[in-house]
Amino acid sequence: AGRTYEITGPRVVTFAEAAAEISRAAGREIRYIPVSGDEYRAG
């Protein structure tokens, strides 16, 4: 009670690295495509 906790995983992972981890697990290619804020908002 009254405490504040910050909860994270054990390491910092980029989205490209996350896509690579998922690719290895799934056995198929998953590509990370960085987009701009404007492109994302439009989508």
Full PDB file with SEQRES, HELIX, SHEET, SSBOND, CRYST1, ORIGX, SCALE, CONECT and MASTER records, all heavy atoms in Angstrom:
SEQRES   1 A   43  ALA GLY ARG THR TYR GLU ILE THR GLY PRO ARG VAL VAL          
SEQRES   2 A   43  THR PHE ALA GLU ALA ALA ALA GLU ILE SER ARG ALA ALA          
SEQRES   3 A   43  GLY ARG GLU ILE ARG TYR ILE PRO VAL SER GLY ASP GLU          
SEQRES   4 A   43  TYR ARG ALA GLY                                              
HELIX    1 AA1 PHE A   15  ALA A   26  1                                  12    
HELIX    2 AA2 GLY A   37  ALA A   42  1                                   6    
CRYST1    1.000    1.000    1.000  90.00  90.00  90.00 P 1           1          
ORIGX1      1.000000  0.000000  0.000000        0.00000                         
ORIGX2      0.000000  1.000000  0.000000        0.00000                         
ORIGX3      0.000000  0.000000  1.000000        0.00000                         
SCALE1      1.000000  0.000000  0.000000        0.00000                         
SCALE2      0.000000  1.000000  0.000000        0.00000                         
SCALE3      0.000000  0.000000  1.000000        0.00000                         
ATOM      1  N   ALA A   1       0.830  -1.206   0.000  1.00  0.00           N  
ATOM      2  CA  ALA A   1       0.000   0.000   0.000  1.00  0.00           C  
ATOM      3  C   ALA A   1       0.863   1.254   0.000  1.00  0.00           C  
ATOM      4  O   ALA A   1       1.842   1.366   0.749  1.00  0.00           O  
ATOM      5  CB  ALA A   1      -0.909   0.011   1.226  1.00  0.00           C  
ATOM      6  N   GLY A   2       0.515   2.188  -0.875  1.00  0.00           N  
ATOM      7  CA  GLY A   2       1.235   3.451  -0.951  1.00  0.00           C  
ATOM      8  C   GLY A   2       2.527   3.404  -1.749  1.00  0.00           C  
ATOM      9  O   GLY A   2       3.174   4.439  -1.916  1.00  0.00           O  
ATOM     10  N   ARG A   3       2.883   2.233  -2.259  1.00  0.00           N  
ATOM     11  CA  ARG A   3       4.122   2.095  -3.009  1.00  0.00           C  
ATOM     12  C   ARG A   3       3.905   2.360  -4.494  1.00  0.00           C  
ATOM     13  O   ARG A   3       2.794   2.239  -5.013  1.00  0.00           O  
ATOM     14  CB  ARG A   3       4.699   0.692  -2.831  1.00  0.00           C  
ATOM     15  CG  ARG A   3       5.001   0.296  -1.385  1.00  0.00           C  
ATOM     16  CD  ARG A   3       6.223   1.018  -0.845  1.00  0.00           C  
ATOM     17  NE  ARG A   3       7.406   0.716  -1.634  1.00  0.00           N  
ATOM     18  CZ  ARG A   3       8.168  -0.363  -1.478  1.00  0.00           C  
ATOM     19  NH1 ARG A   3       7.869  -1.261  -0.553  1.00  0.00           N  
ATOM     20  NH2 ARG A   3       9.253  -0.548  -2.229  1.00  0.00           N  
ATOM     21  N   THR A   4       4.981   2.674  -5.204  1.00  0.00           N  
ATOM     22  CA  THR A   4       4.968   2.828  -6.652  1.00  0.00           C  
ATOM     23  C   THR A   4       6.063   1.943  -7.233  1.00  0.00           C  
ATOM     24  O   THR A   4       7.215   1.995  -6.784  1.00  0.00           O  
ATOM     25  CB  THR A   4       5.209   4.286  -7.078  1.00  0.00           C  
ATOM     26  OG1 THR A   4       4.136   5.096  -6.590  1.00  0.00           O  
ATOM     27  CG2 THR A   4       5.267   4.412  -8.598  1.00  0.00           C  
ATOM     28  N   TYR A   5       5.677   1.104  -8.199  1.00  0.00           N  
ATOM     29  CA  TYR A   5       6.624   0.194  -8.820  1.00  0.00           C  
ATOM     30  C   TYR A   5       6.653   0.438 -10.330  1.00  0.00           C  
ATOM     31  O   TYR A   5       5.616   0.661 -10.952  1.00  0.00           O  
ATOM     32  CB  TYR A   5       6.225  -1.262  -8.575  1.00  0.00           C  
ATOM     33  CG  TYR A   5       6.197  -1.659  -7.119  1.00  0.00           C  
ATOM     34  CD1 TYR A   5       4.982  -1.776  -6.433  1.00  0.00           C  
ATOM     35  CD2 TYR A   5       7.372  -1.925  -6.418  1.00  0.00           C  
ATOM     36  CE1 TYR A   5       4.937  -2.148  -5.104  1.00  0.00           C  
ATOM     37  CE2 TYR A   5       7.339  -2.287  -5.081  1.00  0.00           C  
ATOM     38  CZ  TYR A   5       6.119  -2.398  -4.429  1.00  0.00           C  
ATOM     39  OH  TYR A   5       6.099  -2.756  -3.109  1.00  0.00           O  
ATOM     40  N   GLU A   6       7.844   0.356 -10.907  1.00  0.00           N  
ATOM     41  CA  GLU A   6       7.988   0.397 -12.357  1.00  0.00           C  
ATOM     42  C   GLU A   6       8.386  -1.002 -12.827  1.00  0.00           C  
ATOM     43  O   GLU A   6       9.397  -1.546 -12.384  1.00  0.00           O  
ATOM     44  CB  GLU A   6       9.030   1.435 -12.771  1.00  0.00           C  
ATOM     45  CG  GLU A   6       8.587   2.854 -12.469  1.00  0.00           C  
ATOM     46  CD  GLU A   6       9.367   3.886 -13.265  1.00  0.00           C  
ATOM     47  OE1 GLU A   6      10.265   3.488 -14.045  1.00  0.00           O  
ATOM     48  OE2 GLU A   6       9.077   5.077 -13.110  1.00  0.00           O  
ATOM     49  N   ILE A   7       7.568  -1.557 -13.718  1.00  0.00           N  
ATOM     50  CA  ILE A   7       7.721  -2.954 -14.107  1.00  0.00           C  
ATOM     51  C   ILE A   7       8.133  -3.050 -15.569  1.00  0.00           C  
ATOM     52  O   ILE A   7       7.421  -2.570 -16.461  1.00  0.00           O  
ATOM     53  CB  ILE A   7       6.396  -3.725 -13.891  1.00  0.00           C  
ATOM     54  CG1 ILE A   7       5.895  -3.535 -12.455  1.00  0.00           C  
ATOM     55  CG2 ILE A   7       6.584  -5.198 -14.212  1.00  0.00           C  
ATOM     56  CD1 ILE A   7       6.859  -4.000 -11.384  1.00  0.00           C  
ATOM     57  N   THR A   8       9.281  -3.680 -15.813  1.00  0.00           N  
ATOM     58  CA  THR A   8       9.792  -3.854 -17.167  1.00  0.00           C  
ATOM     59  C   THR A   8      10.263  -5.288 -17.366  1.00  0.00           C  
ATOM     60  O   THR A   8      10.345  -6.073 -16.422  1.00  0.00           O  
ATOM     61  CB  THR A   8      10.989  -2.919 -17.457  1.00  0.00           C  
ATOM     62  OG1 THR A   8      12.142  -3.405 -16.736  1.00  0.00           O  
ATOM     63  CG2 THR A   8      10.700  -1.493 -17.039  1.00  0.00           C  
ATOM     64  N   GLY A   9      10.602  -5.589 -18.612  1.00  0.00           N  
ATOM     65  CA  GLY A   9      11.287  -6.837 -18.891  1.00  0.00           C  
ATOM     66  C   GLY A   9      12.749  -6.723 -18.513  1.00  0.00           C  
ATOM     67  O   GLY A   9      13.206  -5.679 -18.038  1.00  0.00           O  
ATOM     68  N   PRO A  10      13.534  -7.791 -18.743  1.00  0.00           N  
ATOM     69  CA  PRO A  10      14.934  -7.819 -18.282  1.00  0.00           C  
ATOM     70  C   PRO A  10      15.926  -7.124 -19.208  1.00  0.00           C  
ATOM     71  O   PRO A  10      17.078  -6.930 -18.827  1.00  0.00           O  
ATOM     72  CB  PRO A  10      15.238  -9.315 -18.202  1.00  0.00           C  
ATOM     73  CG  PRO A  10      14.390  -9.906 -19.286  1.00  0.00           C  
ATOM     74  CD  PRO A  10      13.119  -9.101 -19.274  1.00  0.00           C  
ATOM     75  N   ARG A  11      15.503  -6.756 -20.440  1.00  0.00           N  
ATOM     76  CA  ARG A  11      16.435  -6.116 -21.366  1.00  0.00           C  
ATOM     77  C   ARG A  11      15.684  -5.214 -22.332  1.00  0.00           C  
ATOM     78  O   ARG A  11      14.481  -5.368 -22.550  1.00  0.00           O  
ATOM     79  CB  ARG A  11      17.253  -7.153 -22.144  1.00  0.00           C  
ATOM     80  CG  ARG A  11      16.428  -8.065 -23.037  1.00  0.00           C  
ATOM     81  CD  ARG A  11      17.277  -9.157 -23.661  1.00  0.00           C  
ATOM     82  NE  ARG A  11      16.465 -10.129 -24.391  1.00  0.00           N  
ATOM     83  CZ  ARG A  11      16.422 -10.221 -25.720  1.00  0.00           C  
ATOM     84  NH1 ARG A  11      17.156  -9.383 -26.468  1.00  0.00           N  
ATOM     85  NH2 ARG A  11      15.672 -11.137 -26.310  1.00  0.00           N  
ATOM     86  N   VAL A  12      16.426  -4.290 -22.900  1.00  0.00           N  
ATOM     87  CA  VAL A  12      15.861  -3.369 -23.883  1.00  0.00           C  
ATOM     88  C   VAL A  12      15.934  -4.022 -25.261  1.00  0.00           C  
ATOM     89  O   VAL A  12      16.976  -4.549 -25.658  1.00  0.00           O  
ATOM     90  CB  VAL A  12      16.624  -2.031 -23.881  1.00  0.00           C  
ATOM     91  CG1 VAL A  12      16.131  -1.121 -24.996  1.00  0.00           C  
ATOM     92  CG2 VAL A  12      16.473  -1.347 -22.516  1.00  0.00           C  
ATOM     93  N   VAL A  13      14.807  -3.983 -25.975  1.00  0.00           N  
ATOM     94  CA  VAL A  13      14.686  -4.642 -27.275  1.00  0.00           C  
ATOM     95  C   VAL A  13      14.118  -3.634 -28.273  1.00  0.00           C  
ATOM     96  O   VAL A  13      13.113  -2.976 -27.991  1.00  0.00           O  
ATOM     97  CB  VAL A  13      13.746  -5.868 -27.191  1.00  0.00           C  
ATOM     98  CG1 VAL A  13      13.598  -6.543 -28.554  1.00  0.00           C  
ATOM     99  CG2 VAL A  13      14.247  -6.854 -26.145  1.00  0.00           C  
ATOM    100  N   THR A  14      14.727  -3.487 -29.428  1.00  0.00           N  
ATOM    101  CA  THR A  14      14.155  -2.632 -30.462  1.00  0.00           C  
ATOM    102  C   THR A  14      13.025  -3.382 -31.164  1.00  0.00           C  
ATOM    103  O   THR A  14      12.900  -4.610 -31.053  1.00  0.00           O  
ATOM    104  CB  THR A  14      15.196  -2.230 -31.514  1.00  0.00           C  
ATOM    105  OG1 THR A  14      15.591  -3.396 -32.252  1.00  0.00           O  
ATOM    106  CG2 THR A  14      16.418  -1.584 -30.859  1.00  0.00           C  
ATOM    107  N   PHE A  15      12.210  -2.655 -31.915  1.00  0.00           N  
ATOM    108  CA  PHE A  15      11.124  -3.310 -32.634  1.00  0.00           C  
ATOM    109  C   PHE A  15      11.679  -4.234 -33.722  1.00  0.00           C  
ATOM    110  O   PHE A  15      11.089  -5.284 -34.018  1.00  0.00           O  
ATOM    111  CB  PHE A  15      10.175  -2.268 -33.217  1.00  0.00           C  
ATOM    112  CG  PHE A  15       9.123  -1.825 -32.236  1.00  0.00           C  
ATOM    113  CD1 PHE A  15       9.457  -1.030 -31.148  1.00  0.00           C  
ATOM    114  CD2 PHE A  15       7.800  -2.203 -32.390  1.00  0.00           C  
ATOM    115  CE1 PHE A  15       8.499  -0.622 -30.236  1.00  0.00           C  
ATOM    116  CE2 PHE A  15       6.832  -1.812 -31.481  1.00  0.00           C  
ATOM    117  CZ  PHE A  15       7.174  -1.014 -30.400  1.00  0.00           C  
ATOM    118  N   ALA A  16      12.800  -3.864 -34.319  1.00  0.00           N  
ATOM    119  CA  ALA A  16      13.435  -4.745 -35.310  1.00  0.00           C  
ATOM    120  C   ALA A  16      13.900  -6.036 -34.652  1.00  0.00           C  
ATOM    121  O   ALA A  16      13.747  -7.130 -35.219  1.00  0.00           O  
ATOM    122  CB  ALA A  16      14.601  -4.024 -35.974  1.00  0.00           C  
ATOM    123  N   GLU A  17      14.469  -5.927 -33.446  1.00  0.00           N  
ATOM    124  CA  GLU A  17      14.900  -7.120 -32.715  1.00  0.00           C  
ATOM    125  C   GLU A  17      13.707  -7.960 -32.287  1.00  0.00           C  
ATOM    126  O   GLU A  17      13.765  -9.191 -32.297  1.00  0.00           O  
ATOM    127  CB  GLU A  17      15.742  -6.714 -31.515  1.00  0.00           C  
ATOM    128  CG  GLU A  17      17.093  -6.131 -31.885  1.00  0.00           C  
ATOM    129  CD  GLU A  17      17.800  -5.472 -30.717  1.00  0.00           C  
ATOM    130  OE1 GLU A  17      17.120  -5.092 -29.734  1.00  0.00           O  
ATOM    131  OE2 GLU A  17      19.034  -5.313 -30.791  1.00  0.00           O  
ATOM    132  N   ALA A  18      12.609  -7.303 -31.919  1.00  0.00           N  
ATOM    133  CA  ALA A  18      11.391  -8.032 -31.553  1.00  0.00           C  
ATOM    134  C   ALA A  18      10.873  -8.819 -32.750  1.00  0.00           C  
ATOM    135  O   ALA A  18      10.474  -9.988 -32.616  1.00  0.00           O  
ATOM    136  CB  ALA A  18      10.327  -7.057 -31.056  1.00  0.00           C  
ATOM    137  N   ALA A  19      10.886  -8.193 -33.928  1.00  0.00           N  
ATOM    138  CA  ALA A  19      10.446  -8.885 -35.142  1.00  0.00           C  
ATOM    139  C   ALA A  19      11.332 -10.097 -35.421  1.00  0.00           C  
ATOM    140  O   ALA A  19      10.840 -11.162 -35.838  1.00  0.00           O  
ATOM    141  CB  ALA A  19      10.463  -7.923 -36.321  1.00  0.00           C  
ATOM    142  N   ALA A  20      12.637  -9.949 -35.178  1.00  0.00           N  
ATOM    143  CA  ALA A  20      13.562 -11.066 -35.401  1.00  0.00           C  
ATOM    144  C   ALA A  20      13.298 -12.203 -34.425  1.00  0.00           C  
ATOM    145  O   ALA A  20      13.352 -13.388 -34.803  1.00  0.00           O  
ATOM    146  CB  ALA A  20      15.009 -10.576 -35.272  1.00  0.00           C  
ATOM    147  N   GLU A  21      13.004 -11.880 -33.168  1.00  0.00           N  
ATOM    148  CA  GLU A  21      12.697 -12.907 -32.170  1.00  0.00           C  
ATOM    149  C   GLU A  21      11.422 -13.657 -32.552  1.00  0.00           C  
ATOM    150  O   GLU A  21      11.351 -14.890 -32.442  1.00  0.00           O  
ATOM    151  CB  GLU A  21      12.533 -12.277 -30.787  1.00  0.00           C  
ATOM    152  CG  GLU A  21      13.784 -11.676 -30.182  1.00  0.00           C  
ATOM    153  CD  GLU A  21      14.717 -12.717 -29.599  1.00  0.00           C  
ATOM    154  OE1 GLU A  21      14.498 -13.928 -29.825  1.00  0.00           O  
ATOM    155  OE2 GLU A  21      15.675 -12.316 -28.917  1.00  0.00           O  
ATOM    156  N   ILE A  22      10.420 -12.922 -32.996  1.00  0.00           N  
ATOM    157  CA  ILE A  22       9.164 -13.550 -33.401  1.00  0.00           C  
ATOM    158  C   ILE A  22       9.380 -14.416 -34.635  1.00  0.00           C  
ATOM    159  O   ILE A  22       8.835 -15.520 -34.755  1.00  0.00           O  
ATOM    160  CB  ILE A  22       8.087 -12.488 -33.650  1.00  0.00           C  
ATOM    161  CG1 ILE A  22       7.754 -11.751 -32.339  1.00  0.00           C  
ATOM    162  CG2 ILE A  22       6.808 -13.124 -34.213  1.00  0.00           C  
ATOM    163  CD1 ILE A  22       6.858 -10.537 -32.525  1.00  0.00           C  
ATOM    164  N   SER A  23      10.214 -13.935 -35.571  1.00  0.00           N  
ATOM    165  CA  SER A  23      10.526 -14.703 -36.777  1.00  0.00           C  
ATOM    166  C   SER A  23      11.153 -16.042 -36.420  1.00  0.00           C  
ATOM    167  O   SER A  23      10.777 -17.092 -36.972  1.00  0.00           O  
ATOM    168  CB  SER A  23      11.477 -13.912 -37.677  1.00  0.00           C  
ATOM    169  OG  SER A  23      10.888 -12.722 -38.146  1.00  0.00           O  
ATOM    170  N   ARG A  24      12.119 -16.013 -35.497  1.00  0.00           N  
ATOM    171  CA  ARG A  24      12.786 -17.261 -35.094  1.00  0.00           C  
ATOM    172  C   ARG A  24      11.792 -18.223 -34.456  1.00  0.00           C  
ATOM    173  O   ARG A  24      11.832 -19.428 -34.717  1.00  0.00           O  
ATOM    174  CB  ARG A  24      13.925 -16.952 -34.116  1.00  0.00           C  
ATOM    175  CG  ARG A  24      15.214 -16.484 -34.797  1.00  0.00           C  
ATOM    176  CD  ARG A  24      16.370 -16.437 -33.821  1.00  0.00           C  
ATOM    177  NE  ARG A  24      16.262 -15.304 -32.922  1.00  0.00           N  
ATOM    178  CZ  ARG A  24      16.751 -14.092 -33.176  1.00  0.00           C  
ATOM    179  NH1 ARG A  24      17.368 -13.855 -34.331  1.00  0.00           N  
ATOM    180  NH2 ARG A  24      16.633 -13.110 -32.307  1.00  0.00           N  
ATOM    181  N   ALA A  25      10.917 -17.706 -33.611  1.00  0.00           N  
ATOM    182  CA  ALA A  25       9.965 -18.569 -32.927  1.00  0.00           C  
ATOM    183  C   ALA A  25       8.909 -19.125 -33.882  1.00  0.00           C  
ATOM    184  O   ALA A  25       8.512 -20.291 -33.781  1.00  0.00           O  
ATOM    185  CB  ALA A  25       9.283 -17.792 -31.791  1.00  0.00           C  
ATOM    186  N   ALA A  26       8.468 -18.285 -34.814  1.00  0.00           N  
ATOM    187  CA  ALA A  26       7.380 -18.682 -35.717  1.00  0.00           C  
ATOM    188  C   ALA A  26       7.867 -19.469 -36.924  1.00  0.00           C  
ATOM    189  O   ALA A  26       7.070 -20.127 -37.599  1.00  0.00           O  
ATOM    190  CB  ALA A  26       6.629 -17.440 -36.187  1.00  0.00           C  
ATOM    191  N   GLY A  27       9.170 -19.381 -37.209  1.00  0.00           N  
ATOM    192  CA  GLY A  27       9.696 -20.082 -38.355  1.00  0.00           C  
ATOM    193  C   GLY A  27       9.315 -19.443 -39.682  1.00  0.00           C  
ATOM    194  O   GLY A  27       9.280 -20.113 -40.724  1.00  0.00           O  
ATOM    195  N   ARG A  28       9.040 -18.156 -39.670  1.00  0.00           N  
ATOM    196  CA  ARG A  28       8.758 -17.414 -40.896  1.00  0.00           C  
ATOM    197  C   ARG A  28       9.194 -15.964 -40.693  1.00  0.00           C  
ATOM    198  O   ARG A  28       9.327 -15.508 -39.557  1.00  0.00           O  
ATOM    199  CB  ARG A  28       7.268 -17.464 -41.265  1.00  0.00           C  
ATOM    200  CG  ARG A  28       6.331 -16.858 -40.223  1.00  0.00           C  
ATOM    201  CD  ARG A  28       4.872 -17.104 -40.594  1.00  0.00           C  
ATOM    202  NE  ARG A  28       3.965 -16.570 -39.590  1.00  0.00           N  
ATOM    203  CZ  ARG A  28       3.457 -15.332 -39.628  1.00  0.00           C  
ATOM    204  NH1 ARG A  28       3.773 -14.509 -40.638  1.00  0.00           N  
ATOM    205  NH2 ARG A  28       2.625 -14.923 -38.695  1.00  0.00           N  
ATOM    206  N   GLU A  29       9.399 -15.264 -41.782  1.00  0.00           N  
ATOM    207  CA  GLU A  29       9.933 -13.910 -41.681  1.00  0.00           C  
ATOM    208  C   GLU A  29       8.859 -12.905 -41.257  1.00  0.00           C  
ATOM    209  O   GLU A  29       7.780 -12.841 -41.846  1.00  0.00           O  
ATOM    210  CB  GLU A  29      10.540 -13.453 -43.012  1.00  0.00           C  
ATOM    211  CG  GLU A  29      11.178 -12.070 -42.907  1.00  0.00           C  
ATOM    212  CD  GLU A  29      11.743 -11.578 -44.225  1.00  0.00           C  
ATOM    213  OE1 GLU A  29      11.482 -12.210 -45.264  1.00  0.00           O  
ATOM    214  OE2 GLU A  29      12.449 -10.550 -44.209  1.00  0.00           O  
ATOM    215  N   ILE A  30       9.190 -12.134 -40.246  1.00  0.00           N  
ATOM    216  CA  ILE A  30       8.382 -10.993 -39.815  1.00  0.00           C  
ATOM    217  C   ILE A  30       9.271  -9.762 -39.952  1.00  0.00           C  
ATOM    218  O   ILE A  30      10.337  -9.700 -39.351  1.00  0.00           O  
ATOM    219  CB  ILE A  30       7.902 -11.135 -38.352  1.00  0.00           C  
ATOM    220  CG1 ILE A  30       7.144 -12.451 -38.153  1.00  0.00           C  
ATOM    221  CG2 ILE A  30       7.048  -9.938 -37.961  1.00  0.00           C  
ATOM    222  CD1 ILE A  30       5.840 -12.550 -38.913  1.00  0.00           C  
ATOM    223  N   ARG A  31       8.844  -8.785 -40.739  1.00  0.00           N  
ATOM    224  CA  ARG A  31       9.656  -7.598 -40.978  1.00  0.00           C  
ATOM    225  C   ARG A  31       9.130  -6.422 -40.150  1.00  0.00           C  
ATOM    226  O   ARG A  31       7.931  -6.229 -40.032  1.00  0.00           O  
ATOM    227  CB  ARG A  31       9.631  -7.210 -42.464  1.00  0.00           C  
ATOM    228  CG  ARG A  31      10.240  -8.228 -43.394  1.00  0.00           C  
ATOM    229  CD  ARG A  31      10.220  -7.721 -44.820  1.00  0.00           C  
ATOM    230  NE  ARG A  31       8.868  -7.372 -45.247  1.00  0.00           N  
ATOM    231  CZ  ARG A  31       8.532  -6.205 -45.782  1.00  0.00           C  
ATOM    232  NH1 ARG A  31       9.437  -5.251 -45.943  1.00  0.00           N  
ATOM    233  NH2 ARG A  31       7.282  -5.984 -46.162  1.00  0.00           N  
ATOM    234  N   TYR A  32      10.061  -5.682 -39.577  1.00  0.00           N  
ATOM    235  CA  TYR A  32       9.679  -4.422 -38.934  1.00  0.00           C  
ATOM    236  C   TYR A  32       9.798  -3.304 -39.950  1.00  0.00           C  
ATOM    237  O   TYR A  32      10.842  -3.139 -40.600  1.00  0.00           O  
ATOM    238  CB  TYR A  32      10.569  -4.133 -37.725  1.00  0.00           C  
ATOM    239  CG  TYR A  32      10.387  -2.719 -37.206  1.00  0.00           C  
ATOM    240  CD1 TYR A  32       9.126  -2.258 -36.821  1.00  0.00           C  
ATOM    241  CD2 TYR A  32      11.467  -1.838 -37.114  1.00  0.00           C  
ATOM    242  CE1 TYR A  32       8.943  -0.963 -36.364  1.00  0.00           C  
ATOM    243  CE2 TYR A  32      11.294  -0.548 -36.651  1.00  0.00           C  
ATOM    244  CZ  TYR A  32      10.038  -0.117 -36.280  1.00  0.00           C  
ATOM    245  OH  TYR A  32       9.855   1.163 -35.834  1.00  0.00           O  
ATOM    246  N   ILE A  33       8.744  -2.526 -40.094  1.00  0.00           N  
ATOM    247  CA  ILE A  33       8.722  -1.413 -41.030  1.00  0.00           C  
ATOM    248  C   ILE A  33       8.550  -0.120 -40.241  1.00  0.00           C  
ATOM    249  O   ILE A  33       7.453   0.177 -39.755  1.00  0.00           O  
ATOM    250  CB  ILE A  33       7.579  -1.563 -42.053  1.00  0.00           C  
ATOM    251  CG1 ILE A  33       7.718  -2.888 -42.809  1.00  0.00           C  
ATOM    252  CG2 ILE A  33       7.572  -0.384 -43.027  1.00  0.00           C  
ATOM    253  CD1 ILE A  33       6.566  -3.169 -43.751  1.00  0.00           C  
ATOM    254  N   PRO A  34       9.622   0.652 -40.053  1.00  0.00           N  
ATOM    255  CA  PRO A  34       9.476   1.932 -39.350  1.00  0.00           C  
ATOM    256  C   PRO A  34       8.719   2.924 -40.218  1.00  0.00           C  
ATOM    257  O   PRO A  34       9.023   3.080 -41.405  1.00  0.00           O  
ATOM    258  CB  PRO A  34      10.927   2.370 -39.123  1.00  0.00           C  
ATOM    259  CG  PRO A  34      11.713   1.667 -40.175  1.00  0.00           C  
ATOM    260  CD  PRO A  34      11.012   0.381 -40.467  1.00  0.00           C  
ATOM    261  N   VAL A  35       7.713   3.557 -39.642  1.00  0.00           N  
ATOM    262  CA  VAL A  35       6.935   4.564 -40.364  1.00  0.00           C  
ATOM    263  C   VAL A  35       6.977   5.869 -39.583  1.00  0.00           C  
ATOM    264  O   VAL A  35       7.270   5.892 -38.383  1.00  0.00           O  
ATOM    265  CB  VAL A  35       5.467   4.110 -40.572  1.00  0.00           C  
ATOM    266  CG1 VAL A  35       5.403   2.854 -41.431  1.00  0.00           C  
ATOM    267  CG2 VAL A  35       4.776   3.875 -39.221  1.00  0.00           C  
ATOM    268  N   SER A  36       6.673   6.958 -40.259  1.00  0.00           N  
ATOM    269  CA  SER A  36       6.633   8.262 -39.586  1.00  0.00           C  
ATOM    270  C   SER A  36       5.336   8.393 -38.795  1.00  0.00           C  
ATOM    271  O   SER A  36       4.380   7.640 -39.001  1.00  0.00           O  
ATOM    272  CB  SER A  36       6.716   9.384 -40.616  1.00  0.00           C  
ATOM    273  OG  SER A  36       5.527   9.432 -41.397  1.00  0.00           O  
ATOM    274  N   GLY A  37       5.323   9.382 -37.902  1.00  0.00           N  
ATOM    275  CA  GLY A  37       4.105   9.635 -37.150  1.00  0.00           C  
ATOM    276  C   GLY A  37       2.934   9.977 -38.059  1.00  0.00           C  
ATOM    277  O   GLY A  37       1.807   9.516 -37.842  1.00  0.00           O  
ATOM    278  N   ASP A  38       3.190  10.776 -39.082  1.00  0.00           N  
ATOM    279  CA  ASP A  38       2.125  11.158 -40.012  1.00  0.00           C  
ATOM    280  C   ASP A  38       1.590   9.943 -40.753  1.00  0.00           C  
ATOM    281  O   ASP A  38       0.369   9.810 -40.941  1.00  0.00           O  
ATOM    282  CB  ASP A  38       2.650  12.187 -41.011  1.00  0.00           C  
ATOM    283  CG  ASP A  38       2.868  13.554 -40.385  1.00  0.00           C  
ATOM    284  OD1 ASP A  38       2.296  13.813 -39.304  1.00  0.00           O  
ATOM    285  OD2 ASP A  38       3.607  14.377 -40.968  1.00  0.00           O  
ATOM    286  N   GLU A  39       2.484   9.058 -41.180  1.00  0.00           N  
ATOM    287  CA  GLU A  39       2.044   7.848 -41.880  1.00  0.00           C  
ATOM    288  C   GLU A  39       1.222   6.961 -40.956  1.00  0.00           C  
ATOM    289  O   GLU A  39       0.201   6.384 -41.371  1.00  0.00           O  
ATOM    290  CB  GLU A  39       3.260   7.080 -42.402  1.00  0.00           C  
ATOM    291  CG  GLU A  39       3.986   7.762 -43.555  1.00  0.00           C  
ATOM    292  CD  GLU A  39       5.287   7.078 -43.894  1.00  0.00           C  
ATOM    293  OE1 GLU A  39       5.969   6.586 -42.964  1.00  0.00           O  
ATOM    294  OE2 GLU A  39       5.613   7.026 -45.092  1.00  0.00           O  
ATOM    295  N   TYR A  40       1.656   6.850 -39.707  1.00  0.00           N  
ATOM    296  CA  TYR A  40       0.929   6.006 -38.760  1.00  0.00           C  
ATOM    297  C   TYR A  40      -0.454   6.585 -38.473  1.00  0.00           C  
ATOM    298  O   TYR A  40      -1.449   5.851 -38.466  1.00  0.00           O  
ATOM    299  CB  TYR A  40       1.733   5.877 -37.472  1.00  0.00           C  
ATOM    300  CG  TYR A  40       1.141   4.885 -36.505  1.00  0.00           C  
ATOM    301  CD1 TYR A  40       1.214   3.521 -36.770  1.00  0.00           C  
ATOM    302  CD2 TYR A  40       0.510   5.299 -35.335  1.00  0.00           C  
ATOM    303  CE1 TYR A  40       0.664   2.589 -35.895  1.00  0.00           C  
ATOM    304  CE2 TYR A  40      -0.034   4.379 -34.462  1.00  0.00           C  
ATOM    305  CZ  TYR A  40       0.044   3.026 -34.748  1.00  0.00           C  
ATOM    306  OH  TYR A  40      -0.502   2.116 -33.887  1.00  0.00           O  
ATOM    307  N   ARG A  41      -0.515   7.893 -38.255  1.00  0.00           N  
ATOM    308  CA  ARG A  41      -1.807   8.536 -37.990  1.00  0.00           C  
ATOM    309  C   ARG A  41      -2.755   8.352 -39.174  1.00  0.00           C  
ATOM    310  O   ARG A  41      -3.936   8.042 -38.996  1.00  0.00           O  
ATOM    311  CB  ARG A  41      -1.613  10.019 -37.707  1.00  0.00           C  
ATOM    312  CG  ARG A  41      -2.924  10.728 -37.328  1.00  0.00           C  
ATOM    313  CD  ARG A  41      -2.717  12.194 -37.038  1.00  0.00           C  
ATOM    314  NE  ARG A  41      -2.324  12.930 -38.223  1.00  0.00           N  
ATOM    315  CZ  ARG A  41      -1.120  13.447 -38.437  1.00  0.00           C  
ATOM    316  NH1 ARG A  41      -0.164  13.302 -37.531  1.00  0.00           N  
ATOM    317  NH2 ARG A  41      -0.846  14.111 -39.550  1.00  0.00           N  
ATOM    318  N   ALA A  42      -2.239   8.512 -40.373  1.00  0.00           N  
ATOM    319  CA  ALA A  42      -3.071   8.336 -41.566  1.00  0.00           C  
ATOM    320  C   ALA A  42      -3.598   6.912 -41.660  1.00  0.00           C  
ATOM    321  O   ALA A  42      -4.759   6.685 -42.043  1.00  0.00           O  
ATOM    322  CB  ALA A  42      -2.274   8.686 -42.819  1.00  0.00           C  
ATOM    323  N   GLY A  43      -2.761   5.952 -41.280  1.00  0.00           N  
ATOM    324  CA  GLY A  43      -3.194   4.561 -41.297  1.00  0.00           C  
ATOM    325  C   GLY A  43      -4.291   4.294 -40.289  1.00  0.00           C  
ATOM    326  O   GLY A  43      -5.236   3.535 -40.567  1.00  0.00           O  
TER     327      GLY A  43                                                      
MASTER        0    0    0    2    0    0    0    6  326    1    0    4          
END                                                                             
